């Protein structure tokens, strides 16, 4: 483990998050806001509760992100037509443009990884990353094993 840390800190294995193109985008919005844009780009639209669940964040955090993005005219917030208590988020044209630029930068970095690896190595990498993510999402110290993380409650509203 120490060897991996050494590679990232001093061995020249620079993390792609410091790529100059990504740093330019980072000047426009915080990473949490970019993540919300990318999630909305993928979904098309989402309720505040859905966005909070996708971000793995409290509803208040997602609400703050939505408000910031609306203020910058990157999303529009509308009431759900069937339940006026529910707020829907949708990207504006400007938000779609910015999300597309961010996605293009991410895709370029991922393509560089794919070009450096054989198909078998790429499959192995994906498997290892999935295993790492599972380990990181497992019970953390202080949380009982098998305890589910806090999840957004979904309330079904019938017509």
Protein backbone atom coordinates (compact mmCIF):
# COMPACT_ATOMS: atom_id res chain seq x y z
CA UNK A 1 0.00 0.00 0.00
CA UNK A 2 2.83 2.36 0.86
CA UNK A 3 4.27 1.72 -2.61
CA UNK A 4 1.03 2.94 -4.26
CA UNK A 5 1.00 6.06 -2.12
CA UNK A 6 4.63 6.72 -2.99
CA UNK A 7 3.84 6.38 -6.71
CA UNK A 8 1.11 9.00 -6.49
CA UNK A 9 2.92 11.42 -4.20
CA UNK A 10 6.47 11.42 -5.53
CA UNK A 11 6.91 8.85 -8.29
CA UNK A 12 5.46 10.84 -11.16
CA UNK A 13 2.16 8.92 -11.29
CA UNK A 14 0.11 12.10 -11.32
CA UNK A 15 -3.57 11.69 -10.68
CA UNK A 16 -5.69 12.56 -13.73
CA UNK A 17 -7.71 15.00 -11.62
CA UNK A 18 -4.85 17.45 -12.07
CA UNK A 19 -5.10 17.30 -15.85
CA UNK A 20 -4.99 20.88 -17.15
CA UNK A 21 -8.26 20.51 -19.07
CA UNK A 22 -10.07 19.24 -15.98
CA UNK A 23 -8.54 22.00 -13.89
CA UNK A 24 -9.99 24.56 -16.30
CA UNK A 25 -13.44 23.06 -15.79
CA UNK A 26 -12.84 22.98 -12.04
CA UNK A 27 -12.55 26.78 -12.09
CA UNK A 28 -16.16 26.96 -13.28
CA UNK A 29 -17.81 24.68 -10.71
CA UNK A 30 -16.98 22.55 -7.68
CA UNK A 31 -16.64 18.81 -8.35
CA UNK A 32 -19.91 18.05 -6.53
CA UNK A 33 -21.76 20.37 -8.92
CA UNK A 34 -20.09 18.76 -11.95
CA UNK A 35 -21.07 15.35 -10.65
CA UNK A 36 -24.67 16.52 -10.33
CA UNK A 37 -24.57 17.84 -13.92
CA UNK A 38 -23.21 14.53 -15.19
CA UNK A 39 -25.84 12.58 -13.25
CA UNK A 40 -28.60 14.80 -14.65
CA UNK A 41 -27.16 14.41 -18.13
CA UNK A 42 -27.40 10.64 -17.73
CA UNK A 43 -30.92 10.66 -16.20
CA UNK A 44 -32.51 13.46 -18.21
CA UNK A 45 -34.30 14.78 -15.13
CA UNK A 46 -34.41 13.89 -11.46
CA UNK A 47 -36.23 14.78 -8.28
CA UNK A 48 -34.17 16.34 -5.51
CA UNK A 49 -34.47 13.04 -3.59
CA UNK A 50 -33.19 11.06 -6.58
CA UNK A 51 -30.27 13.44 -7.01
CA UNK A 52 -29.44 13.16 -3.30
CA UNK A 53 -29.48 9.35 -3.57
CA UNK A 54 -27.31 9.43 -6.71
CA UNK A 55 -24.82 11.75 -4.98
CA UNK A 56 -24.98 9.66 -1.80
CA UNK A 57 -25.59 12.93 0.01
CA UNK A 58 -28.24 14.34 2.33
CA UNK A 59 -31.25 15.98 0.72
CA UNK A 60 -30.14 19.37 2.09
CA UNK A 61 -26.81 19.04 0.25
CA UNK A 62 -28.52 18.11 -3.03
CA UNK A 63 -30.91 21.03 -2.56
CA UNK A 64 -27.96 23.40 -2.14
CA UNK A 65 -26.28 22.02 -5.25
CA UNK A 66 -29.54 22.38 -7.19
CA UNK A 67 -29.93 25.98 -6.04
CA UNK A 68 -26.35 26.86 -7.04
CA UNK A 69 -26.79 25.26 -10.46
CA UNK A 70 -30.09 27.06 -10.97
CA UNK A 71 -28.51 30.40 -10.02
CA UNK A 72 -25.85 29.79 -12.70
CA UNK A 73 -28.65 28.89 -15.16
CA UNK A 74 -27.28 25.36 -15.63
CA UNK A 75 -30.47 23.63 -14.43
CA UNK A 76 -34.10 24.53 -14.18
CA UNK A 77 -36.17 23.53 -11.18
CA UNK A 78 -39.83 22.80 -11.73
CA UNK A 79 -42.62 21.43 -9.58
CA UNK A 80 -43.76 17.92 -10.46
CA UNK A 81 -47.05 18.15 -12.38
CA UNK A 82 -48.77 15.54 -10.19
CA UNK A 83 -47.27 16.48 -6.81
CA UNK A 84 -46.41 20.13 -6.32
CA UNK A 85 -44.27 19.26 -3.27
CA UNK A 86 -41.74 17.47 -5.50
CA UNK A 87 -39.04 19.51 -7.25
CA UNK A 88 -37.71 18.23 -10.59
CA UNK A 89 -34.30 19.22 -11.93
CA UNK A 90 -33.49 19.32 -15.64
CA UNK A 91 -30.40 20.64 -17.44
CA UNK A 92 -30.72 23.84 -19.42
CA UNK A 93 -28.99 24.14 -22.82
CA UNK A 94 -26.05 25.79 -21.04
CA UNK A 95 -25.97 22.97 -18.48
CA UNK A 96 -26.06 20.35 -21.22
CA UNK A 97 -23.15 22.10 -22.94
CA UNK A 98 -21.04 22.21 -19.78
CA UNK A 99 -21.86 18.58 -18.91
CA UNK A 100 -20.88 17.54 -22.44
CA UNK A 101 -17.53 19.37 -22.11
CA UNK A 102 -16.84 17.68 -18.77
CA UNK A 103 -17.84 14.30 -20.16
CA UNK A 104 -15.54 14.78 -23.18
CA UNK A 105 -12.58 15.45 -20.84
CA UNK A 106 -13.37 12.38 -18.75
CA UNK A 107 -13.80 10.24 -21.87
CA UNK A 108 -10.41 11.43 -23.16
CA UNK A 109 -8.74 10.33 -19.91
CA UNK A 110 -10.53 6.98 -19.97
CA UNK A 111 -9.51 6.44 -23.61
CA UNK A 112 -5.87 7.00 -22.67
CA UNK A 113 -6.21 4.25 -20.06
CA UNK A 114 -7.92 1.95 -22.54
CA UNK A 115 -5.19 2.50 -25.14
CA UNK A 116 -2.49 1.66 -22.60
CA UNK A 117 -4.06 -1.69 -21.66
CA UNK A 118 -4.87 -4.86 -23.56
CA UNK A 119 -8.52 -5.98 -23.55
CA UNK A 120 -7.67 -8.61 -20.90
CA UNK A 121 -5.88 -6.01 -18.75
CA UNK A 122 -8.82 -3.64 -19.14
CA UNK A 123 -11.22 -6.35 -17.99
CA UNK A 124 -8.92 -7.09 -15.05
CA UNK A 125 -8.75 -3.37 -14.17
CA UNK A 126 -12.54 -3.05 -14.18
CA UNK A 127 -12.83 -6.10 -11.95
CA UNK A 128 -10.23 -4.72 -9.53
CA UNK A 129 -11.88 -1.30 -9.38
CA UNK A 130 -15.25 -2.95 -8.67
CA UNK A 131 -13.62 -4.97 -5.90
CA UNK A 132 -12.02 -1.83 -4.43
CA UNK A 133 -15.31 0.07 -4.53
CA UNK A 134 -17.09 -2.83 -2.80
CA UNK A 135 -14.43 -2.80 -0.07
CA UNK A 136 -14.77 0.96 0.37
CA UNK A 137 -18.57 0.73 0.54
CA UNK A 138 -18.47 -2.07 3.11
CA UNK A 139 -18.98 -1.36 6.81
CA UNK A 140 -16.74 1.39 8.06
CA UNK A 141 -15.28 1.55 11.56
CA UNK A 142 -18.06 2.52 13.94
CA UNK A 143 -20.77 1.22 11.61
CA UNK A 144 -22.10 -2.28 12.35
CA UNK A 145 -21.39 -4.88 9.70
CA UNK A 146 -24.33 -5.26 7.35
CA UNK A 147 -25.86 -1.93 8.39
CA UNK A 148 -27.31 -0.15 5.41
CA UNK A 149 -26.13 3.40 4.82
CA UNK A 150 -28.72 6.13 5.15
CA UNK A 151 -30.88 6.11 2.05
CA UNK A 152 -33.33 8.61 0.68
CA UNK A 153 -36.90 7.59 1.43
CA UNK A 154 -39.10 7.13 -1.59
CA UNK A 155 -42.78 7.86 -1.20
CA UNK A 156 -45.06 6.55 -3.91
CA UNK A 157 -47.78 9.03 -4.85
CA UNK A 158 -50.69 7.57 -6.75
CA UNK A 159 -52.85 9.47 -9.22
